Amino acid sequence: MLEKARYEAFVGLRLTGRVALYFLFSLTVAFVIVLFGQLHLGLGSLAGFATVLVAAVVGLIIYHRLYATLLRQGLQRVLASESSESA
């Protein structure tokens, strides 16, 4: 079912470009966090390492949430088509 939702989201709904934009947005957010940490803390310290770690986690969380919304759209379309076929 999840594979059908993925296929529907990227092929049927043509949301591949939006996935690329979401990925770039999450990378940009992570980069801004690291840049802020480097300017104020320096990356050689433990606080700088923690900033990089936080940036990576925040970027992944943002990407995961945005990607999940696209999969939800595909899943809704798959479920709607399956319910119309069974009716």
C-alpha atoms as a PDB file:
ATOM      1  CA  MET A   1       0.000   0.000   0.000  1.00  0.00           C
ATOM      2  CA  LEU A   2       2.830   2.410   0.877  1.00  0.00           C
ATOM      3  CA  GLU A   3       4.562   1.689  -2.411  1.00  0.00           C
ATOM      4  CA  LYS A   4       1.340   2.478  -4.280  1.00  0.00           C
ATOM      5  CA  ALA A   5       1.071   5.746  -2.332  1.00  0.00           C
ATOM      6  CA  ARG A   6       4.660   6.654  -3.248  1.00  0.00           C
ATOM      7  CA  TYR A   7       4.059   5.852  -6.891  1.00  0.00           C
ATOM      8  CA  GLU A   8       0.828   7.843  -6.938  1.00  0.00           C
ATOM      9  CA  ALA A   9       2.425  10.845  -5.227  1.00  0.00           C
ATOM     10  CA  PHE A  10       5.409  11.040  -7.550  1.00  0.00           C
ATOM     11  CA  VAL A  11       3.998   9.775 -10.836  1.00  0.00           C
ATOM     12  CA  GLY A  12       0.250  10.345 -10.633  1.00  0.00           C
ATOM     13  CA  LEU A  13       0.283  13.649  -8.770  1.00  0.00           C
ATOM     14  CA  ARG A  14       3.661  14.747 -10.213  1.00  0.00           C
ATOM     15  CA  LEU A  15       5.059  15.919  -6.891  1.00  0.00           C
ATOM     16  CA  THR A  16       8.708  15.066  -7.601  1.00  0.00           C
ATOM     17  CA  GLY A  17       9.653  18.724  -7.952  1.00  0.00           C
ATOM     18  CA  ARG A  18       8.074  19.514  -4.615  1.00  0.00           C
ATOM     19  CA  VAL A  19      10.160  16.769  -2.972  1.00  0.00           C
ATOM     20  CA  ALA A  20      13.296  18.361  -4.387  1.00  0.00           C
ATOM     21  CA  LEU A  21      12.235  21.752  -3.046  1.00  0.00           C
ATOM     22  CA  TYR A  22      11.512  20.268   0.387  1.00  0.00           C
ATOM     23  CA  PHE A  23      14.950  18.657   0.414  1.00  0.00           C
ATOM     24  CA  LEU A  24      16.647  21.926  -0.525  1.00  0.00           C
ATOM     25  CA  PHE A  25      14.629  23.780   2.114  1.00  0.00           C
ATOM     26  CA  SER A  26      15.686  21.324   4.837  1.00  0.00           C
ATOM     27  CA  LEU A  27      19.339  21.630   3.754  1.00  0.00           C
ATOM     28  CA  THR A  28      19.068  25.419   3.848  1.00  0.00           C
ATOM     29  CA  VAL A  29      17.632  25.384   7.370  1.00  0.00           C
ATOM     30  CA  ALA A  30      20.415  23.075   8.528  1.00  0.00           C
ATOM     31  CA  PHE A  31      23.029  25.284   6.856  1.00  0.00           C
ATOM     32  CA  VAL A  32      21.669  28.417   8.532  1.00  0.00           C
ATOM     33  CA  ILE A  33      21.796  26.727  11.939  1.00  0.00           C
ATOM     34  CA  VAL A  34      25.409  25.642  11.378  1.00  0.00           C
ATOM     35  CA  LEU A  35      26.359  29.086  10.091  1.00  0.00           C
ATOM     36  CA  PHE A  36      24.802  30.728  13.144  1.00  0.00           C
ATOM     37  CA  GLY A  37      26.663  28.303  15.414  1.00  0.00           C
ATOM     38  CA  GLN A  38      29.964  28.906  13.669  1.00  0.00           C
ATOM     39  CA  LEU A  39      29.633  32.675  13.867  1.00  0.00           C
ATOM     40  CA  HIS A  40      28.708  32.700  17.548  1.00  0.00           C
ATOM     41  CA  LEU A  41      30.322  29.599  19.017  1.00  0.00           C
ATOM     42  CA  GLY A  42      33.034  28.376  16.668  1.00  0.00           C
ATOM     43  CA  LEU A  43      33.002  24.843  15.325  1.00  0.00           C
ATOM     44  CA  GLY A  44      36.106  23.749  17.199  1.00  0.00           C
ATOM     45  CA  SER A  45      34.326  23.626  20.536  1.00  0.00           C
ATOM     46  CA  LEU A  46      31.900  21.110  21.946  1.00  0.00           C
ATOM     47  CA  ALA A  47      29.103  23.642  21.555  1.00  0.00           C
ATOM     48  CA  GLY A  48      29.960  23.933  17.859  1.00  0.00           C
ATOM     49  CA  PHE A  49      29.755  20.156  17.482  1.00  0.00           C
ATOM     50  CA  ALA A  50      26.392  20.182  19.238  1.00  0.00           C
ATOM     51  CA  THR A  51      25.205  22.893  16.839  1.00  0.00           C
ATOM     52  CA  VAL A  52      26.109  20.750  13.835  1.00  0.00           C
ATOM     53  CA  LEU A  53      24.319  17.789  15.405  1.00  0.00           C
ATOM     54  CA  VAL A  54      21.202  19.847  16.116  1.00  0.00           C
ATOM     55  CA  ALA A  55      21.244  21.217  12.571  1.00  0.00           C
ATOM     56  CA  ALA A  56      21.390  17.716  11.099  1.00  0.00           C
ATOM     57  CA  VAL A  57      18.530  16.502  13.275  1.00  0.00           C
ATOM     58  CA  VAL A  58      16.360  19.559  12.565  1.00  0.00           C
ATOM     59  CA  GLY A  59      16.987  19.223   8.823  1.00  0.00           C
ATOM     60  CA  LEU A  60      16.024  15.555   8.871  1.00  0.00           C
ATOM     61  CA  ILE A  61      12.880  16.209  10.918  1.00  0.00           C
ATOM     62  CA  ILE A  62      11.764  18.968   8.556  1.00  0.00           C
ATOM     63  CA  TYR A  63      12.369  16.799   5.490  1.00  0.00           C
ATOM     64  CA  HIS A  64      10.600  13.819   7.043  1.00  0.00           C
ATOM     65  CA  ARG A  65       7.498  15.842   7.937  1.00  0.00           C
ATOM     66  CA  LEU A  66       7.258  17.484   4.534  1.00  0.00           C
ATOM     67  CA  TYR A  67       7.830  14.157   2.736  1.00  0.00           C
ATOM     68  CA  ALA A  68       5.150  12.545   4.890  1.00  0.00           C
ATOM     69  CA  THR A  69       2.608  15.141   3.744  1.00  0.00           C
ATOM     70  CA  LEU A  70       3.304  14.210   0.131  1.00  0.00           C
ATOM     71  CA  LEU A  71       2.935  10.510   0.889  1.00  0.00           C
ATOM     72  CA  ARG A  72      -0.319  11.241   2.684  1.00  0.00           C
ATOM     73  CA  GLN A  73      -1.654  12.898  -0.458  1.00  0.00           C
ATOM     74  CA  GLY A  74      -0.696   9.848  -2.506  1.00  0.00           C
ATOM     75  CA  LEU A  75      -2.221   7.498   0.053  1.00  0.00           C
ATOM     76  CA  GLN A  76      -5.488   9.426   0.066  1.00  0.00           C
ATOM     77  CA  ARG A  77      -5.670   9.150  -3.697  1.00  0.00           C
ATOM     78  CA  VAL A  78      -4.896   5.417  -3.617  1.00  0.00           C
ATOM     79  CA  LEU A  79      -7.553   4.800  -0.958  1.00  0.00           C
ATOM     80  CA  ALA A  80     -10.082   6.873  -2.892  1.00  0.00           C
ATOM     81  CA  SER A  81      -9.433   4.902  -6.078  1.00  0.00           C
ATOM     82  CA  GLU A  82      -9.630   1.572  -4.250  1.00  0.00           C
ATOM     83  CA  SER A  83     -12.888   2.510  -2.572  1.00  0.00           C
ATOM     84  CA  SER A  84     -14.395   3.604  -5.881  1.00  0.00           C
ATOM     85  CA  GLU A  85     -13.293   0.318  -7.486  1.00  0.00           C
ATOM     86  CA  SER A  86     -14.870  -1.764  -4.722  1.00  0.00           C
ATOM     87  CA  ALA A  87     -18.152   0.167  -4.855  1.00  0.00           C
END
